């Protein structure tokens, strides 16, 4: 009998993953990682007891702080808008599960992601609304080799029905939508974690100072709310930052300033067996797919060109690349360009 190590978070998705694997004849061992001090493992413990599966809770708070929280805050300090969930799958959740394979003498690891694996290639899952290939696009190939995704052929609604059939208390548990290590409002968290220094807000068209920002870490490309610019009634957008001069650049009523036509991806995780030069890009989770052309550069970088322009492509975010339903991989957006000129972002 094959043995599989399941990441059991305490949510309905990982619980049903364990159920489906048991039904398929696997011996299931569950691991719950404790990443933050206030983590409540009660649901995970109850699920494991209900399903009668071996269960271990492992404390990885130190590693999680070093790999995710510290790097997340450092990226914000450097003016970027990071996506910690993608990094967490790559550096923490899946990696730590993978590292435990030999410890528990297992053949595979498994998670409750909505995505599909076939011939070591990553594809969108059946549930279009819940598809999570975006969050898995940076997963190294050696981990994908050992990964099972039991929810690949079912929808979220079907997942809840299975949990209800097994009388699990988490059958109707709400999905987690926030960054797991932030328990308060985001701006409050950033203010306490990162030093915020006030500075000028400059209108990029008129080149004049129109207000004062509350610290560059509080703003992201495309942001419209919370700018607090007195006397301005037109729609105003954040279009960039200058960290050296502590300037926030905005555009008043001119959405053209939000457009870019290319960007550079760094730390690219390329999953396909061959180079693909025309495909689709997703610049944020659940954003629409944009036709792009790729130029493969040195040092694991890719230039992504999108001829018709895209609004608010944001440095620090993840860009996932697709060909039809196949996820080709992804990388971190490090700068944005228009007409071969780097935009108002330094």
C-alpha atoms as a PDB file:
ATOM      1  CA  UNK A   1       0.000   0.000   0.000  1.00  0.00           C
ATOM      2  CA  UNK A   2       1.347   3.414  -0.999  1.00  0.00           C
ATOM      3  CA  UNK A   3       1.756   5.961   1.795  1.00  0.00           C
ATOM      4  CA  UNK A   4       0.961   9.641   1.396  1.00  0.00           C
ATOM      5  CA  UNK A   5       1.742  12.596   3.630  1.00  0.00           C
ATOM      6  CA  UNK A   6      -1.132  15.112   3.658  1.00  0.00           C
ATOM      7  CA  UNK A   7      -0.838  18.715   4.757  1.00  0.00           C
ATOM      8  CA  UNK A   8      -3.841  19.003   7.078  1.00  0.00           C
ATOM      9  CA  UNK A   9      -4.551  22.673   7.754  1.00  0.00           C
ATOM     10  CA  UNK A  10      -7.875  22.225   9.525  1.00  0.00           C
ATOM     11  CA  UNK A  11      -9.888  23.446   6.553  1.00  0.00           C
ATOM     12  CA  UNK A  12     -12.409  21.549   4.462  1.00  0.00           C
ATOM     13  CA  UNK A  13     -10.159  21.239   1.376  1.00  0.00           C
ATOM     14  CA  UNK A  14      -7.295  19.405   3.088  1.00  0.00           C
ATOM     15  CA  UNK A  15      -9.778  17.280   5.052  1.00  0.00           C
ATOM     16  CA  UNK A  16     -11.532  16.066   1.901  1.00  0.00           C
ATOM     17  CA  UNK A  17      -8.153  15.469   0.248  1.00  0.00           C
ATOM     18  CA  UNK A  18      -7.367  13.026   3.053  1.00  0.00           C
ATOM     19  CA  UNK A  19     -10.781  11.378   2.607  1.00  0.00           C
ATOM     20  CA  UNK A  20     -10.333  10.908  -1.157  1.00  0.00           C
ATOM     21  CA  UNK A  21      -6.858   9.462  -0.690  1.00  0.00           C
ATOM     22  CA  UNK A  22      -8.159   6.950   1.886  1.00  0.00           C
ATOM     23  CA  UNK A  23     -10.951   5.988  -0.497  1.00  0.00           C
ATOM     24  CA  UNK A  24      -8.364   5.477  -3.245  1.00  0.00           C
ATOM     25  CA  UNK A  25      -6.505   2.975  -1.078  1.00  0.00           C
ATOM     26  CA  UNK A  26      -3.604   5.039   0.235  1.00  0.00           C
ATOM     27  CA  UNK A  27      -2.308   4.880   3.785  1.00  0.00           C
ATOM     28  CA  UNK A  28      -2.680   8.493   4.919  1.00  0.00           C
ATOM     29  CA  UNK A  29      -0.502  10.300   7.436  1.00  0.00           C
ATOM     30  CA  UNK A  30      -1.442  13.902   8.217  1.00  0.00           C
ATOM     31  CA  UNK A  31       0.871  16.715   9.218  1.00  0.00           C
ATOM     32  CA  UNK A  32      -0.250  20.069  10.563  1.00  0.00           C
ATOM     33  CA  UNK A  33       2.361  22.810  10.568  1.00  0.00           C
ATOM     34  CA  UNK A  34       2.274  25.431  13.271  1.00  0.00           C
ATOM     35  CA  UNK A  35       3.587  28.573  11.604  1.00  0.00           C
ATOM     36  CA  UNK A  36       2.308  31.275  13.945  1.00  0.00           C
ATOM     37  CA  UNK A  37       1.966  31.538  17.729  1.00  0.00           C
ATOM     38  CA  UNK A  38      -1.833  31.842  17.806  1.00  0.00           C
ATOM     39  CA  UNK A  39      -2.538  28.971  15.412  1.00  0.00           C
ATOM     40  CA  UNK A  40      -5.493  26.835  16.571  1.00  0.00           C
ATOM     41  CA  UNK A  41      -4.984  23.197  15.627  1.00  0.00           C
ATOM     42  CA  UNK A  42      -8.320  22.009  17.093  1.00  0.00           C
ATOM     43  CA  UNK A  43     -10.042  21.486  13.726  1.00  0.00           C
ATOM     44  CA  UNK A  44      -7.086  19.549  12.320  1.00  0.00           C
ATOM     45  CA  UNK A  45      -6.938  17.310  15.403  1.00  0.00           C
ATOM     46  CA  UNK A  46     -10.677  16.620  15.210  1.00  0.00           C
ATOM     47  CA  UNK A  47     -10.523  15.823  11.490  1.00  0.00           C
ATOM     48  CA  UNK A  48      -7.691  13.337  12.002  1.00  0.00           C
ATOM     49  CA  UNK A  49      -9.592  11.610  14.828  1.00  0.00           C
ATOM     50  CA  UNK A  50     -12.800  11.474  12.796  1.00  0.00           C
ATOM     51  CA  UNK A  51     -10.987   9.949   9.820  1.00  0.00           C
ATOM     52  CA  UNK A  52      -8.862   7.685  12.042  1.00  0.00           C
ATOM     53  CA  UNK A  53      -5.566   8.736  10.481  1.00  0.00           C
ATOM     54  CA  UNK A  54      -2.132   9.209  12.004  1.00  0.00           C
ATOM     55  CA  UNK A  55      -1.570  12.903  12.764  1.00  0.00           C
ATOM     56  CA  UNK A  56       1.456  14.977  13.733  1.00  0.00           C
ATOM     57  CA  UNK A  57       1.753  18.668  14.598  1.00  0.00           C
ATOM     58  CA  UNK A  58       5.145  20.197  13.794  1.00  0.00           C
ATOM     59  CA  UNK A  59       6.294  23.601  14.981  1.00  0.00           C
ATOM     60  CA  UNK A  60       7.878  25.566  12.142  1.00  0.00           C
ATOM     61  CA  UNK A  61       7.427  29.073  13.550  1.00  0.00           C
ATOM     62  CA  UNK A  62      11.140  29.909  13.359  1.00  0.00           C
ATOM     63  CA  UNK A  63      11.499  28.779   9.755  1.00  0.00           C
ATOM     64  CA  UNK A  64       8.242  30.462   8.719  1.00  0.00           C
ATOM     65  CA  UNK A  65       9.356  33.771  10.231  1.00  0.00           C
ATOM     66  CA  UNK A  66      12.695  33.626   8.435  1.00  0.00           C
ATOM     67  CA  UNK A  67      11.417  32.445   5.050  1.00  0.00           C
ATOM     68  CA  UNK A  68       8.087  34.270   4.813  1.00  0.00           C
ATOM     69  CA  UNK A  69       7.418  37.011   7.364  1.00  0.00           C
ATOM     70  CA  UNK A  70      10.892  38.586   7.350  1.00  0.00           C
ATOM     71  CA  UNK A  71      11.162  38.452   3.549  1.00  0.00           C
ATOM     72  CA  UNK A  72       7.617  39.780   3.158  1.00  0.00           C
ATOM     73  CA  UNK A  73       8.455  42.825   5.295  1.00  0.00           C
ATOM     74  CA  UNK A  74      11.804  43.317   3.556  1.00  0.00           C
ATOM     75  CA  UNK A  75      10.076  43.408   0.173  1.00  0.00           C
ATOM     76  CA  UNK A  76       7.662  46.044   1.461  1.00  0.00           C
ATOM     77  CA  UNK A  77      10.562  48.099   2.792  1.00  0.00           C
ATOM     78  CA  UNK A  78      12.094  47.946  -0.691  1.00  0.00           C
ATOM     79  CA  UNK A  79       8.916  49.286  -2.286  1.00  0.00           C
ATOM     80  CA  UNK A  80       7.481  46.057  -3.668  1.00  0.00           C
ATOM     81  CA  UNK A  81       4.058  44.469  -3.142  1.00  0.00           C
ATOM     82  CA  UNK A  82       4.861  40.790  -2.479  1.00  0.00           C
ATOM     83  CA  UNK A  83       2.578  37.766  -2.617  1.00  0.00           C
ATOM     84  CA  UNK A  84       3.503  35.684   0.456  1.00  0.00           C
ATOM     85  CA  UNK A  85       1.122  32.810  -0.380  1.00  0.00           C
ATOM     86  CA  UNK A  86       3.044  31.807  -3.530  1.00  0.00           C
ATOM     87  CA  UNK A  87       6.359  32.020  -1.692  1.00  0.00           C
ATOM     88  CA  UNK A  88       4.898  30.018   1.188  1.00  0.00           C
ATOM     89  CA  UNK A  89       3.953  27.115  -1.083  1.00  0.00           C
ATOM     90  CA  UNK A  90       7.406  27.139  -2.647  1.00  0.00           C
ATOM     91  CA  UNK A  91       9.556  27.673   0.428  1.00  0.00           C
ATOM     92  CA  UNK A  92       7.454  26.385   3.312  1.00  0.00           C
ATOM     93  CA  UNK A  93       4.276  24.303   2.978  1.00  0.00           C
ATOM     94  CA  UNK A  94       5.203  22.058   0.066  1.00  0.00           C
ATOM     95  CA  UNK A  95       8.928  22.082   0.784  1.00  0.00           C
ATOM     96  CA  UNK A  96       8.489  21.093   4.421  1.00  0.00           C
ATOM     97  CA  UNK A  97       6.051  18.327   3.457  1.00  0.00           C
ATOM     98  CA  UNK A  98       8.529  17.138   0.839  1.00  0.00           C
ATOM     99  CA  UNK A  99      11.338  17.180   3.421  1.00  0.00           C
ATOM    100  CA  UNK A 100       9.264  14.920   5.699  1.00  0.00           C
ATOM    101  CA  UNK A 101       8.802  12.172   3.078  1.00  0.00           C
ATOM    102  CA  UNK A 102      11.762  10.110   4.267  1.00  0.00           C
ATOM    103  CA  UNK A 103      11.034  10.795   7.934  1.00  0.00           C
ATOM    104  CA  UNK A 104       7.626   9.121   7.648  1.00  0.00           C
ATOM    105  CA  UNK A 105       8.659   6.688   4.892  1.00  0.00           C
ATOM    106  CA  UNK A 106       5.998   7.989   2.500  1.00  0.00           C
ATOM    107  CA  UNK A 107       5.771   7.782  -1.287  1.00  0.00           C
ATOM    108  CA  UNK A 108       3.920  11.055  -1.949  1.00  0.00           C
ATOM    109  CA  UNK A 109       2.795  14.319  -0.434  1.00  0.00           C
ATOM    110  CA  UNK A 110      -0.679  15.801  -0.969  1.00  0.00           C
ATOM    111  CA  UNK A 111      -2.480  19.109  -0.463  1.00  0.00           C
ATOM    112  CA  UNK A 112      -5.983  20.512  -0.860  1.00  0.00           C
ATOM    113  CA  UNK A 113      -5.189  22.776  -3.810  1.00  0.00           C
ATOM    114  CA  UNK A 114      -7.627  22.992  -6.717  1.00  0.00           C
ATOM    115  CA  UNK A 115      -5.310  22.144  -9.597  1.00  0.00           C
ATOM    116  CA  UNK A 116      -4.371  19.150 -11.716  1.00  0.00           C
ATOM    117  CA  UNK A 117      -1.120  17.243 -12.233  1.00  0.00           C
ATOM    118  CA  UNK A 118      -0.546  15.001 -15.212  1.00  0.00           C
ATOM    119  CA  UNK A 119       2.803  13.631 -16.414  1.00  0.00           C
ATOM    120  CA  UNK A 120       4.534  16.019 -14.007  1.00  0.00           C
ATOM    121  CA  UNK A 121       2.825  18.987 -15.658  1.00  0.00           C
ATOM    122  CA  UNK A 122       0.579  21.445 -13.858  1.00  0.00           C
ATOM    123  CA  UNK A 123      -2.898  22.172 -15.231  1.00  0.00           C
ATOM    124  CA  UNK A 124      -5.923  24.169 -14.114  1.00  0.00           C
ATOM    125  CA  UNK A 125      -8.377  22.143 -12.039  1.00  0.00           C
ATOM    126  CA  UNK A 126     -12.003  21.470 -12.877  1.00  0.00           C
ATOM    127  CA  UNK A 127     -13.339  24.286 -10.662  1.00  0.00           C
ATOM    128  CA  UNK A 128     -12.511  27.435 -12.648  1.00  0.00           C
ATOM    129  CA  UNK A 129     -13.513  29.740  -9.780  1.00  0.00           C
ATOM    130  CA  UNK A 130     -11.245  27.970  -7.303  1.00  0.00           C
ATOM    131  CA  UNK A 131      -8.333  27.129  -9.603  1.00  0.00           C
ATOM    132  CA  UNK A 132      -5.086  27.595  -7.632  1.00  0.00           C
ATOM    133  CA  UNK A 133      -2.406  26.941 -10.221  1.00  0.00           C
ATOM    134  CA  UNK A 134      -1.400  30.603  -9.764  1.00  0.00           C
ATOM    135  CA  UNK A 135      -0.305  29.772  -6.201  1.00  0.00           C
ATOM    136  CA  UNK A 136       1.568  26.666  -7.348  1.00  0.00           C
ATOM    137  CA  UNK A 137       3.390  28.168 -10.336  1.00  0.00           C
ATOM    138  CA  UNK A 138       6.667  28.522  -8.417  1.00  0.00           C
ATOM    139  CA  UNK A 139       6.689  24.950  -7.109  1.00  0.00           C
ATOM    140  CA  UNK A 140       9.962  23.206  -8.100  1.00  0.00           C
ATOM    141  CA  UNK A 141       9.656  20.236 -10.455  1.00  0.00           C
ATOM    142  CA  UNK A 142      11.139  17.769  -7.979  1.00  0.00           C
ATOM    143  CA  UNK A 143       8.295  18.540  -5.566  1.00  0.00           C
ATOM    144  CA  UNK A 144       5.640  18.266  -8.294  1.00  0.00           C
ATOM    145  CA  UNK A 145       7.048  14.792  -8.996  1.00  0.00           C
ATOM    146  CA  UNK A 146       5.908  13.679  -5.558  1.00  0.00           C
ATOM    147  CA  UNK A 147       2.733  15.757  -5.245  1.00  0.00           C
ATOM    148  CA  UNK A 148      -0.852  14.491  -5.386  1.00  0.00           C
ATOM    149  CA  UNK A 149      -3.800  16.882  -5.776  1.00  0.00           C
ATOM    150  CA  UNK A 150      -6.952  14.900  -4.898  1.00  0.00           C
ATOM    151  CA  UNK A 151      -9.317  17.822  -5.577  1.00  0.00           C
ATOM    152  CA  UNK A 152      -8.302  18.171  -9.223  1.00  0.00           C
ATOM    153  CA  UNK A 153     -11.552  16.759 -10.606  1.00  0.00           C
ATOM    154  CA  UNK A 154     -14.114  18.204  -8.188  1.00  0.00           C
ATOM    155  CA  UNK A 155     -15.637  21.582  -7.381  1.00  0.00           C
ATOM    156  CA  UNK A 156     -15.746  23.389  -4.071  1.00  0.00           C
ATOM    157  CA  UNK A 157     -19.442  22.560  -3.777  1.00  0.00           C
ATOM    158  CA  UNK A 158     -18.687  18.862  -4.201  1.00  0.00           C
ATOM    159  CA  UNK A 159     -15.896  19.142  -1.621  1.00  0.00           C
ATOM    160  CA  UNK A 160     -18.341  20.471   0.965  1.00  0.00           C
ATOM    161  CA  UNK A 161     -20.835  17.709   0.153  1.00  0.00           C
ATOM    162  CA  UNK A 162     -18.176  15.049   0.781  1.00  0.00           C
ATOM    163  CA  UNK A 163     -17.260  16.687   4.106  1.00  0.00           C
ATOM    164  CA  UNK A 164     -20.935  16.747   5.065  1.00  0.00           C
ATOM    165  CA  UNK A 165     -21.300  13.063   4.168  1.00  0.00           C
ATOM    166  CA  UNK A 166     -18.443  12.281   6.578  1.00  0.00           C
ATOM    167  CA  UNK A 167     -20.051  14.535   9.212  1.00  0.00           C
ATOM    168  CA  UNK A 168     -17.049  16.814   9.507  1.00  0.00           C
ATOM    169  CA  UNK A 169     -17.583  19.985  11.532  1.00  0.00           C
ATOM    170  CA  UNK A 170     -15.563  21.951   8.950  1.00  0.00           C
ATOM    171  CA  UNK A 171     -17.919  21.117   6.058  1.00  0.00           C
ATOM    172  CA  UNK A 172     -19.138  24.717   5.890  1.00  0.00           C
ATOM    173  CA  UNK A 173     -16.060  26.406   7.317  1.00  0.00           C
ATOM    174  CA  UNK A 174     -15.284  29.667   5.520  1.00  0.00           C
ATOM    175  CA  UNK A 175     -12.270  29.841   3.228  1.00  0.00           C
ATOM    176  CA  UNK A 176      -9.264  31.735   4.489  1.00  0.00           C
ATOM    177  CA  UNK A 177      -8.783  34.879   2.401  1.00  0.00           C
ATOM    178  CA  UNK A 178      -6.299  36.946   4.423  1.00  0.00           C
ATOM    179  CA  UNK A 179      -2.551  36.670   4.901  1.00  0.00           C
ATOM    180  CA  UNK A 180      -2.390  34.046   7.673  1.00  0.00           C
ATOM    181  CA  UNK A 181       0.184  35.805   9.861  1.00  0.00           C
ATOM    182  CA  UNK A 182      -1.663  39.144   9.921  1.00  0.00           C
ATOM    183  CA  UNK A 183      -4.432  39.106  12.538  1.00  0.00           C
ATOM    184  CA  UNK A 184      -5.176  42.841  12.494  1.00  0.00           C
ATOM    185  CA  UNK A 185      -5.946  45.307   9.709  1.00  0.00           C
ATOM    186  CA  UNK A 186      -3.177  45.328   7.133  1.00  0.00           C
ATOM    187  CA  UNK A 187      -2.268  49.004   7.527  1.00  0.00           C
ATOM    188  CA  UNK A 188      -2.078  48.635  11.303  1.00  0.00           C
ATOM    189  CA  UNK A 189       0.216  45.621  10.902  1.00  0.00           C
ATOM    190  CA  UNK A 190       2.533  47.412   8.477  1.00  0.00           C
ATOM    191  CA  UNK A 191       2.719  50.512  10.690  1.00  0.00           C
ATOM    192  CA  UNK A 192       3.890  48.447  13.646  1.00  0.00           C
ATOM    193  CA  UNK A 193       6.249  46.238  11.607  1.00  0.00           C
ATOM    194  CA  UNK A 194       7.841  48.764   9.237  1.00  0.00           C
ATOM    195  CA  UNK A 195       9.008  52.305   9.879  1.00  0.00           C
ATOM    196  CA  UNK A 196       6.763  54.698   7.943  1.00  0.00           C
ATOM    197  CA  UNK A 197       8.178  58.071   6.894  1.00  0.00           C
ATOM    198  CA  UNK A 198       5.911  60.748   5.432  1.00  0.00           C
ATOM    199  CA  UNK A 199       6.794  62.293   2.073  1.00  0.00           C
ATOM    200  CA  UNK A 200       5.540  64.156  -0.988  1.00  0.00           C
ATOM    201  CA  UNK A 201       2.801  62.983  -3.334  1.00  0.00           C
ATOM    202  CA  UNK A 202       3.560  64.188  -6.858  1.00  0.00           C
ATOM    203  CA  UNK A 203       1.221  64.400  -9.850  1.00  0.00           C
ATOM    204  CA  UNK A 204       3.187  62.762 -12.689  1.00  0.00           C
ATOM    205  CA  UNK A 205       1.503  64.857 -15.398  1.00  0.00           C
ATOM    206  CA  UNK A 206       1.784  68.290 -13.802  1.00  0.00           C
ATOM    207  CA  UNK A 207       5.006  67.533 -11.879  1.00  0.00           C
ATOM    208  CA  UNK A 208       3.735  69.323  -8.770  1.00  0.00           C
ATOM    209  CA  UNK A 209       3.358  68.307  -5.120  1.00  0.00           C
ATOM    210  CA  UNK A 210      -0.318  67.745  -4.297  1.00  0.00           C
ATOM    211  CA  UNK A 211      -0.205  66.099  -0.896  1.00  0.00           C
ATOM    212  CA  UNK A 212       1.663  64.097   1.732  1.00  0.00           C
ATOM    213  CA  UNK A 213       1.822  60.310   1.900  1.00  0.00           C
ATOM    214  CA  UNK A 214       1.971  58.352   5.169  1.00  0.00           C
ATOM    215  CA  UNK A 215       4.869  56.071   4.223  1.00  0.00           C
ATOM    216  CA  UNK A 216       5.464  54.346   0.882  1.00  0.00           C
ATOM    217  CA  UNK A 217       4.817  50.880   2.331  1.00  0.00           C
ATOM    218  CA  UNK A 218       1.138  51.796   2.637  1.00  0.00           C
ATOM    219  CA  UNK A 219       0.600  52.108  -1.133  1.00  0.00           C
ATOM    220  CA  UNK A 220       0.578  49.863  -4.170  1.00  0.00           C
ATOM    221  CA  UNK A 221       0.347  50.407  -7.921  1.00  0.00           C
ATOM    222  CA  UNK A 222      -3.234  51.075  -9.029  1.00  0.00           C
ATOM    223  CA  UNK A 223      -4.447  52.015  -5.549  1.00  0.00           C
ATOM    224  CA  UNK A 224      -7.199  54.644  -5.522  1.00  0.00           C
ATOM    225  CA  UNK A 225      -8.508  54.694  -1.989  1.00  0.00           C
ATOM    226  CA  UNK A 226      -6.860  56.053   1.125  1.00  0.00           C
ATOM    227  CA  UNK A 227      -4.769  58.659  -0.699  1.00  0.00           C
ATOM    228  CA  UNK A 228      -6.329  61.540   1.267  1.00  0.00           C
ATOM    229  CA  UNK A 229      -5.493  64.253  -1.244  1.00  0.00           C
ATOM    230  CA  UNK A 230      -7.499  67.316  -0.266  1.00  0.00           C
ATOM    231  CA  UNK A 231      -9.518  69.169  -2.914  1.00  0.00           C
ATOM    232  CA  UNK A 232      -9.076  66.447  -5.566  1.00  0.00           C
ATOM    233  CA  UNK A 233     -12.397  65.218  -6.955  1.00  0.00           C
ATOM    234  CA  UNK A 234     -11.102  63.325 -10.022  1.00  0.00           C
ATOM    235  CA  UNK A 235     -10.178  59.628  -9.866  1.00  0.00           C
ATOM    236  CA  UNK A 236      -6.584  59.474  -8.666  1.00  0.00           C
ATOM    237  CA  UNK A 237      -4.296  56.429  -8.965  1.00  0.00           C
ATOM    238  CA  UNK A 238      -0.948  55.426  -7.525  1.00  0.00           C
ATOM    239  CA  UNK A 239       1.399  54.859 -10.450  1.00  0.00           C
ATOM    240  CA  UNK A 240       4.758  54.500  -8.749  1.00  0.00           C
ATOM    241  CA  UNK A 241       7.254  55.194  -5.975  1.00  0.00           C
ATOM    242  CA  UNK A 242      10.743  56.602  -5.634  1.00  0.00           C
ATOM    243  CA  UNK A 243      12.272  55.039  -2.532  1.00  0.00           C
ATOM    244  CA  UNK A 244      15.461  57.117  -2.632  1.00  0.00           C
ATOM    245  CA  UNK A 245      13.521  60.398  -2.596  1.00  0.00           C
ATOM    246  CA  UNK A 246      10.548  59.035  -0.622  1.00  0.00           C
ATOM    247  CA  UNK A 247       8.077  60.202  -3.289  1.00  0.00           C
ATOM    248  CA  UNK A 248       4.700  58.715  -4.145  1.00  0.00           C
ATOM    249  CA  UNK A 249       3.688  59.304  -7.778  1.00  0.00           C
ATOM    250  CA  UNK A 250       0.003  59.545  -8.672  1.00  0.00           C
ATOM    251  CA  UNK A 251      -2.007  60.270 -11.780  1.00  0.00           C
ATOM    252  CA  UNK A 252      -5.170  62.382 -11.662  1.00  0.00           C
ATOM    253  CA  UNK A 253      -7.865  61.191 -14.049  1.00  0.00           C
ATOM    254  CA  UNK A 254      -5.385  59.791 -16.577  1.00  0.00           C
ATOM    255  CA  UNK A 255      -5.536  55.994 -16.543  1.00  0.00           C
ATOM    256  CA  UNK A 256      -2.979  55.874 -19.371  1.00  0.00           C
ATOM    257  CA  UNK A 257      -0.328  56.324 -16.687  1.00  0.00           C
ATOM    258  CA  UNK A 258      -1.314  52.960 -15.224  1.00  0.00           C
ATOM    259  CA  UNK A 259      -0.550  51.140 -18.472  1.00  0.00           C
ATOM    260  CA  UNK A 260       2.640  49.231 -19.166  1.00  0.00           C
ATOM    261  CA  UNK A 261       3.503  47.097 -22.192  1.00  0.00           C
ATOM    262  CA  UNK A 262       6.199  44.813 -20.753  1.00  0.00           C
ATOM    263  CA  UNK A 263       7.795  43.668 -17.536  1.00  0.00           C
ATOM    264  CA  UNK A 264      10.774  41.650 -16.361  1.00  0.00           C
ATOM    265  CA  UNK A 265      10.264  38.502 -14.301  1.00  0.00           C
ATOM    266  CA  UNK A 266      13.002  37.342 -11.953  1.00  0.00           C
ATOM    267  CA  UNK A 267      13.541  34.024 -10.149  1.00  0.00           C
ATOM    268  CA  UNK A 268      11.513  32.285 -12.844  1.00  0.00           C
ATOM    269  CA  UNK A 269      10.323  28.739 -12.157  1.00  0.00           C
ATOM    270  CA  UNK A 270       9.883  27.210 -15.622  1.00  0.00           C
ATOM    271  CA  UNK A 271       7.847  23.991 -15.541  1.00  0.00           C
ATOM    272  CA  UNK A 272       7.462  23.212 -19.225  1.00  0.00           C
ATOM    273  CA  UNK A 273       9.845  20.797 -20.995  1.00  0.00           C
ATOM    274  CA  UNK A 274      10.435  23.325 -23.763  1.00  0.00           C
ATOM    275  CA  UNK A 275      10.577  27.064 -24.230  1.00  0.00           C
ATOM    276  CA  UNK A 276       7.269  28.664 -25.209  1.00  0.00           C
ATOM    277  CA  UNK A 277       7.400  32.096 -26.818  1.00  0.00           C
ATOM    278  CA  UNK A 278       3.707  32.973 -27.049  1.00  0.00           C
ATOM    279  CA  UNK A 279       1.282  32.233 -24.232  1.00  0.00           C
ATOM    280  CA  UNK A 280      -0.953  33.923 -21.644  1.00  0.00           C
ATOM    281  CA  UNK A 281      -0.033  35.738 -18.446  1.00  0.00           C
ATOM    282  CA  UNK A 282      -1.949  36.206 -15.218  1.00  0.00           C
ATOM    283  CA  UNK A 283      -0.502  39.132 -13.276  1.00  0.00           C
ATOM    284  CA  UNK A 284      -2.593  38.627 -10.124  1.00  0.00           C
ATOM    285  CA  UNK A 285      -4.733  35.822  -8.788  1.00  0.00           C
ATOM    286  CA  UNK A 286      -8.114  35.790 -10.565  1.00  0.00           C
ATOM    287  CA  UNK A 287      -7.088  38.567 -12.961  1.00  0.00           C
ATOM    288  CA  UNK A 288      -7.868  37.949 -16.618  1.00  0.00           C
ATOM    289  CA  UNK A 289      -5.469  36.112 -18.907  1.00  0.00           C
ATOM    290  CA  UNK A 290      -3.443  38.403 -21.174  1.00  0.00           C
ATOM    291  CA  UNK A 291      -1.820  37.249 -24.460  1.00  0.00           C
ATOM    292  CA  UNK A 292       1.935  37.818 -24.210  1.00  0.00           C
ATOM    293  CA  UNK A 293       5.223  37.124 -25.927  1.00  0.00           C
ATOM    294  CA  UNK A 294       8.213  35.888 -23.943  1.00  0.00           C
ATOM    295  CA  UNK A 295      11.904  36.673 -24.287  1.00  0.00           C
ATOM    296  CA  UNK A 296      14.171  34.376 -22.267  1.00  0.00           C
ATOM    297  CA  UNK A 297      17.002  36.331 -20.658  1.00  0.00           C
ATOM    298  CA  UNK A 298      20.093  35.374 -18.667  1.00  0.00           C
ATOM    299  CA  UNK A 299      20.101  34.799 -14.896  1.00  0.00           C
ATOM    300  CA  UNK A 300      16.722  33.081 -14.839  1.00  0.00           C
ATOM    301  CA  UNK A 301      14.779  36.085 -16.098  1.00  0.00           C
ATOM    302  CA  UNK A 302      12.011  36.469 -18.681  1.00  0.00           C
ATOM    303  CA  UNK A 303      10.811  39.591 -20.443  1.00  0.00           C
ATOM    304  CA  UNK A 304       7.023  39.495 -20.821  1.00  0.00           C
ATOM    305  CA  UNK A 305       5.633  41.683 -23.620  1.00  0.00           C
ATOM    306  CA  UNK A 306       1.925  42.540 -23.829  1.00  0.00           C
ATOM    307  CA  UNK A 307       1.350  44.689 -26.891  1.00  0.00           C
ATOM    308  CA  UNK A 308      -1.981  46.308 -26.006  1.00  0.00           C
ATOM    309  CA  UNK A 309      -0.978  47.389 -22.521  1.00  0.00           C
ATOM    310  CA  UNK A 310      -2.179  46.267 -19.096  1.00  0.00           C
ATOM    311  CA  UNK A 311      -3.169  48.361 -16.098  1.00  0.00           C
ATOM    312  CA  UNK A 312      -1.436  48.234 -12.734  1.00  0.00           C
ATOM    313  CA  UNK A 313       1.101  45.464 -13.300  1.00  0.00           C
ATOM    314  CA  UNK A 314       2.819  45.607  -9.914  1.00  0.00           C
ATOM    315  CA  UNK A 315       6.454  44.891  -8.991  1.00  0.00           C
ATOM    316  CA  UNK A 316       6.670  42.252  -6.277  1.00  0.00           C
ATOM    317  CA  UNK A 317       3.584  40.364  -7.433  1.00  0.00           C
ATOM    318  CA  UNK A 318       3.759  36.972  -9.139  1.00  0.00           C
ATOM    319  CA  UNK A 319       3.122  36.547 -12.849  1.00  0.00           C
ATOM    320  CA  UNK A 320       1.942  33.039 -13.782  1.00  0.00           C
ATOM    321  CA  UNK A 321       2.251  31.886 -17.399  1.00  0.00           C
ATOM    322  CA  UNK A 322      -0.179  29.588 -19.223  1.00  0.00           C
ATOM    323  CA  UNK A 323      -0.659  27.739 -22.507  1.00  0.00           C
ATOM    324  CA  UNK A 324      -4.304  26.727 -22.668  1.00  0.00           C
ATOM    325  CA  UNK A 325      -4.910  24.952 -19.318  1.00  0.00           C
ATOM    326  CA  UNK A 326      -1.249  24.200 -18.664  1.00  0.00           C
ATOM    327  CA  UNK A 327       0.625  26.369 -16.181  1.00  0.00           C
ATOM    328  CA  UNK A 328       4.100  26.873 -17.658  1.00  0.00           C
ATOM    329  CA  UNK A 329       5.533  28.381 -14.483  1.00  0.00           C
ATOM    330  CA  UNK A 330       5.938  31.879 -13.141  1.00  0.00           C
ATOM    331  CA  UNK A 331       8.210  34.509 -11.675  1.00  0.00           C
ATOM    332  CA  UNK A 332       8.327  37.702  -9.638  1.00  0.00           C
ATOM    333  CA  UNK A 333       7.603  41.004 -11.398  1.00  0.00           C
ATOM    334  CA  UNK A 334      10.606  43.242 -10.731  1.00  0.00           C
ATOM    335  CA  UNK A 335      10.039  46.203 -13.010  1.00  0.00           C
ATOM    336  CA  UNK A 336       7.482  47.471 -15.478  1.00  0.00           C
ATOM    337  CA  UNK A 337       8.080  49.257 -18.773  1.00  0.00           C
ATOM    338  CA  UNK A 338       6.324  51.280 -21.434  1.00  0.00           C
ATOM    339  CA  UNK A 339       7.879  52.054 -24.823  1.00  0.00           C
ATOM    340  CA  UNK A 340      11.116  50.524 -23.519  1.00  0.00           C
ATOM    341  CA  UNK A 341      11.256  53.016 -20.652  1.00  0.00           C
ATOM    342  CA  UNK A 342      11.066  51.930 -17.037  1.00  0.00           C
ATOM    343  CA  UNK A 343       8.037  53.550 -15.464  1.00  0.00           C
ATOM    344  CA  UNK A 344       7.756  55.660 -12.319  1.00  0.00           C
ATOM    345  CA  UNK A 345       8.990  52.903 -10.117  1.00  0.00           C
ATOM    346  CA  UNK A 346      12.425  52.765  -8.549  1.00  0.00           C
END
